[in-house]
Amino acid sequence: MDFSILCVHRVCAVYASLHMDMILSMKVLLSDIGKLLALPL
């Protein structure tokens, strides 16, 4: 019982960290695209 709860917590933690990394990388990507678009202007 405890082991399965531990596994669920581990999976949730990994998923949450991956989700945060995805959001952060998307923000960086969008800011880079914004800089590239603003460069010619």
PDB file of N, CA and C in Angstrom:
ATOM      1  N   MET A   1       0.840  -1.203   0.000  1.00  0.00           N
ATOM      2  CA  MET A   1       0.000   0.000   0.000  1.00  0.00           C
ATOM      3  C   MET A   1       0.877   1.256   0.000  1.00  0.00           C
ATOM      4  N   ASP A   2       1.790   1.325   0.966  1.00  0.00           N
ATOM      5  CA  ASP A   2       2.674   2.487   1.063  1.00  0.00           C
ATOM      6  C   ASP A   2       3.550   2.620  -0.183  1.00  0.00           C
ATOM      7  N   PHE A   3       3.966   1.459  -0.716  1.00  0.00           N
ATOM      8  CA  PHE A   3       4.850   1.480  -1.875  1.00  0.00           C
ATOM      9  C   PHE A   3       4.146   2.098  -3.078  1.00  0.00           C
ATOM     10  N   SER A   4       2.874   1.749  -3.285  1.00  0.00           N
ATOM     11  CA  SER A   4       2.147   2.286  -4.439  1.00  0.00           C
ATOM     12  C   SER A   4       1.939   3.790  -4.283  1.00  0.00           C
ATOM     13  N   ILE A   5       1.663   4.235  -3.055  1.00  0.00           N
ATOM     14  CA  ILE A   5       1.500   5.674  -2.809  1.00  0.00           C
ATOM     15  C   ILE A   5       2.809   6.394  -3.116  1.00  0.00           C
ATOM     16  N   LEU A   6       3.926   5.780  -2.696  1.00  0.00           N
ATOM     17  CA  LEU A   6       5.246   6.360  -2.956  1.00  0.00           C
ATOM     18  C   LEU A   6       5.485   6.485  -4.457  1.00  0.00           C
ATOM     19  N   CYS A   7       5.124   5.442  -5.204  1.00  0.00           N
ATOM     20  CA  CYS A   7       5.302   5.466  -6.658  1.00  0.00           C
ATOM     21  C   CYS A   7       4.472   6.577  -7.288  1.00  0.00           C
ATOM     22  N   VAL A   8       3.239   6.730  -6.826  1.00  0.00           N
ATOM     23  CA  VAL A   8       2.370   7.778  -7.369  1.00  0.00           C
ATOM     24  C   VAL A   8       2.970   9.151  -7.098  1.00  0.00           C
ATOM     25  N   HIS A   9       3.475   9.355  -5.868  1.00  0.00           N
ATOM     26  CA  HIS A   9       4.096  10.639  -5.539  1.00  0.00           C
ATOM     27  C   HIS A   9       5.314  10.893  -6.423  1.00  0.00           C
ATOM     28  N   ARG A  10       6.123   9.845  -6.649  1.00  0.00           N
ATOM     29  CA  ARG A  10       7.322   9.982  -7.480  1.00  0.00           C
ATOM     30  C   ARG A  10       6.945  10.373  -8.901  1.00  0.00           C
ATOM     31  N   VAL A  11       5.944   9.686  -9.468  1.00  0.00           N
ATOM     32  CA  VAL A  11       5.508   9.977 -10.838  1.00  0.00           C
ATOM     33  C   VAL A  11       4.964  11.400 -10.928  1.00  0.00           C
ATOM     34  N   CYS A  12       4.175  11.803  -9.927  1.00  0.00           N
ATOM     35  CA  CYS A  12       3.616  13.162  -9.931  1.00  0.00           C
ATOM     36  C   CYS A  12       4.723  14.206  -9.853  1.00  0.00           C
ATOM     37  N   ALA A  13       5.737  13.952  -9.020  1.00  0.00           N
ATOM     38  CA  ALA A  13       6.839  14.898  -8.877  1.00  0.00           C
ATOM     39  C   ALA A  13       7.613  15.021 -10.186  1.00  0.00           C
ATOM     40  N   VAL A  14       7.892  13.881 -10.825  1.00  0.00           N
ATOM     41  CA  VAL A  14       8.627  13.901 -12.095  1.00  0.00           C
ATOM     42  C   VAL A  14       7.811  14.622 -13.159  1.00  0.00           C
ATOM     43  N   TYR A  15       6.510  14.328 -13.218  1.00  0.00           N
ATOM     44  CA  TYR A  15       5.648  14.966 -14.214  1.00  0.00           C
ATOM     45  C   TYR A  15       5.578  16.469 -13.987  1.00  0.00           C
ATOM     46  N   ALA A  16       5.472  16.884 -12.721  1.00  0.00           N
ATOM     47  CA  ALA A  16       5.387  18.309 -12.408  1.00  0.00           C
ATOM     48  C   ALA A  16       6.673  19.028 -12.817  1.00  0.00           C
ATOM     49  N   SER A  17       7.840  18.414 -12.527  1.00  0.00           N
ATOM     50  CA  SER A  17       9.109  19.054 -12.885  1.00  0.00           C
ATOM     51  C   SER A  17       9.268  19.122 -14.402  1.00  0.00           C
ATOM     52  N   LEU A  18       8.853  18.071 -15.110  1.00  0.00           N
ATOM     53  CA  LEU A  18       8.924  18.089 -16.570  1.00  0.00           C
ATOM     54  C   LEU A  18       8.004  19.167 -17.122  1.00  0.00           C
ATOM     55  N   HIS A  19       6.814  19.284 -16.535  1.00  0.00           N
ATOM     56  CA  HIS A  19       5.845  20.282 -16.984  1.00  0.00           C
ATOM     57  C   HIS A  19       6.414  21.689 -16.785  1.00  0.00           C
ATOM     58  N   MET A  20       7.056  21.932 -15.633  1.00  0.00           N
ATOM     59  CA  MET A  20       7.655  23.238 -15.367  1.00  0.00           C
ATOM     60  C   MET A  20       8.781  23.516 -16.360  1.00  0.00           C
ATOM     61  N   ASP A  21       9.608  22.510 -16.644  1.00  0.00           N
ATOM     62  CA  ASP A  21      10.695  22.684 -17.613  1.00  0.00           C
ATOM     63  C   ASP A  21      10.132  23.033 -18.983  1.00  0.00           C
ATOM     64  N   MET A  22       9.021  22.395 -19.360  1.00  0.00           N
ATOM     65  CA  MET A  22       8.410  22.669 -20.656  1.00  0.00           C
ATOM     66  C   MET A  22       7.917  24.113 -20.710  1.00  0.00           C
ATOM     67  N   ILE A  23       7.269  24.581 -19.623  1.00  0.00           N
ATOM     68  CA  ILE A  23       6.761  25.955 -19.583  1.00  0.00           C
ATOM     69  C   ILE A  23       7.928  26.942 -19.671  1.00  0.00           C
ATOM     70  N   LEU A  24       9.002  26.673 -18.912  1.00  0.00           N
ATOM     71  CA  LEU A  24      10.152  27.577 -18.915  1.00  0.00           C
ATOM     72  C   LEU A  24      10.819  27.617 -20.282  1.00  0.00           C
ATOM     73  N   SER A  25      10.985  26.455 -20.912  1.00  0.00           N
ATOM     74  CA  SER A  25      11.640  26.421 -22.224  1.00  0.00           C
ATOM     75  C   SER A  25      10.764  27.111 -23.267  1.00  0.00           C
ATOM     76  N   MET A  26       9.432  26.980 -23.144  1.00  0.00           N
ATOM     77  CA  MET A  26       8.537  27.678 -24.072  1.00  0.00           C
ATOM     78  C   MET A  26       8.677  29.184 -23.902  1.00  0.00           C
ATOM     79  N   LYS A  27       8.788  29.654 -22.649  1.00  0.00           N
ATOM     80  CA  LYS A  27       8.954  31.092 -22.405  1.00  0.00           C
ATOM     81  C   LYS A  27      10.260  31.589 -23.017  1.00  0.00           C
ATOM     82  N   VAL A  28      11.340  30.816 -22.829  1.00  0.00           N
ATOM     83  CA  VAL A  28      12.634  31.206 -23.397  1.00  0.00           C
ATOM     84  C   VAL A  28      12.556  31.232 -24.914  1.00  0.00           C
ATOM     85  N   LEU A  29      11.910  30.210 -25.483  1.00  0.00           N
ATOM     86  CA  LEU A  29      11.775  30.131 -26.936  1.00  0.00           C
ATOM     87  C   LEU A  29      10.987  31.325 -27.465  1.00  0.00           C
ATOM     88  N   LEU A  30       9.886  31.661 -26.805  1.00  0.00           N
ATOM     89  CA  LEU A  30       9.061  32.786 -27.247  1.00  0.00           C
ATOM     90  C   LEU A  30       9.832  34.101 -27.139  1.00  0.00           C
ATOM     91  N   SER A  31      10.611  34.273 -26.071  1.00  0.00           N
ATOM     92  CA  SER A  31      11.374  35.514 -25.930  1.00  0.00           C
ATOM     93  C   SER A  31      12.465  35.592 -26.993  1.00  0.00           C
ATOM     94  N   ASP A  32      13.087  34.454 -27.329  1.00  0.00           N
ATOM     95  CA  ASP A  32      14.094  34.436 -28.393  1.00  0.00           C
ATOM     96  C   ASP A  32      13.463  34.789 -29.732  1.00  0.00           C
ATOM     97  N   ILE A  33      12.284  34.229 -30.017  1.00  0.00           N
ATOM     98  CA  ILE A  33      11.587  34.540 -31.271  1.00  0.00           C
ATOM     99  C   ILE A  33      11.223  36.025 -31.298  1.00  0.00           C
ATOM    100  N   GLY A  34      10.794  36.554 -30.154  1.00  0.00           N
ATOM    101  CA  GLY A  34      10.460  37.974 -30.071  1.00  0.00           C
ATOM    102  C   GLY A  34      11.672  38.846 -30.365  1.00  0.00           C
ATOM    103  N   LYS A  35      12.839  38.462 -29.837  1.00  0.00           N
ATOM    104  CA  LYS A  35      14.064  39.222 -30.105  1.00  0.00           C
ATOM    105  C   LYS A  35      14.410  39.162 -31.588  1.00  0.00           C
ATOM    106  N   LEU A  36      14.282  37.976 -32.199  1.00  0.00           N
ATOM    107  CA  LEU A  36      14.596  37.828 -33.622  1.00  0.00           C
ATOM    108  C   LEU A  36      13.644  38.666 -34.469  1.00  0.00           C
ATOM    109  N   LEU A  37      12.362  38.698 -34.074  1.00  0.00           N
ATOM    110  CA  LEU A  37      11.389  39.478 -34.840  1.00  0.00           C
ATOM    111  C   LEU A  37      11.622  40.975 -34.649  1.00  0.00           C
ATOM    112  N   ALA A  38      12.065  41.375 -33.466  1.00  0.00           N
ATOM    113  CA  ALA A  38      12.279  42.791 -33.185  1.00  0.00           C
ATOM    114  C   ALA A  38      13.584  43.291 -33.799  1.00  0.00           C
ATOM    115  N   LEU A  39      14.499  42.387 -34.129  1.00  0.00           N
ATOM    116  CA  LEU A  39      15.810  42.777 -34.643  1.00  0.00           C
ATOM    117  C   LEU A  39      15.715  43.585 -35.940  1.00  0.00           C
ATOM    118  N   PRO A  40      14.970  43.125 -36.973  1.00  0.00           N
ATOM    119  CA  PRO A  40      14.891  43.902 -38.211  1.00  0.00           C
ATOM    120  C   PRO A  40      14.183  45.239 -38.013  1.00  0.00           C
ATOM    121  N   LEU A  41      13.247  45.300 -37.038  1.00  0.00           N
ATOM    122  CA  LEU A  41      12.538  46.556 -36.793  1.00  0.00           C
ATOM    123  C   LEU A  41      13.442  47.501 -36.013  1.00  0.00           C
TER     124      LEU A  41
END
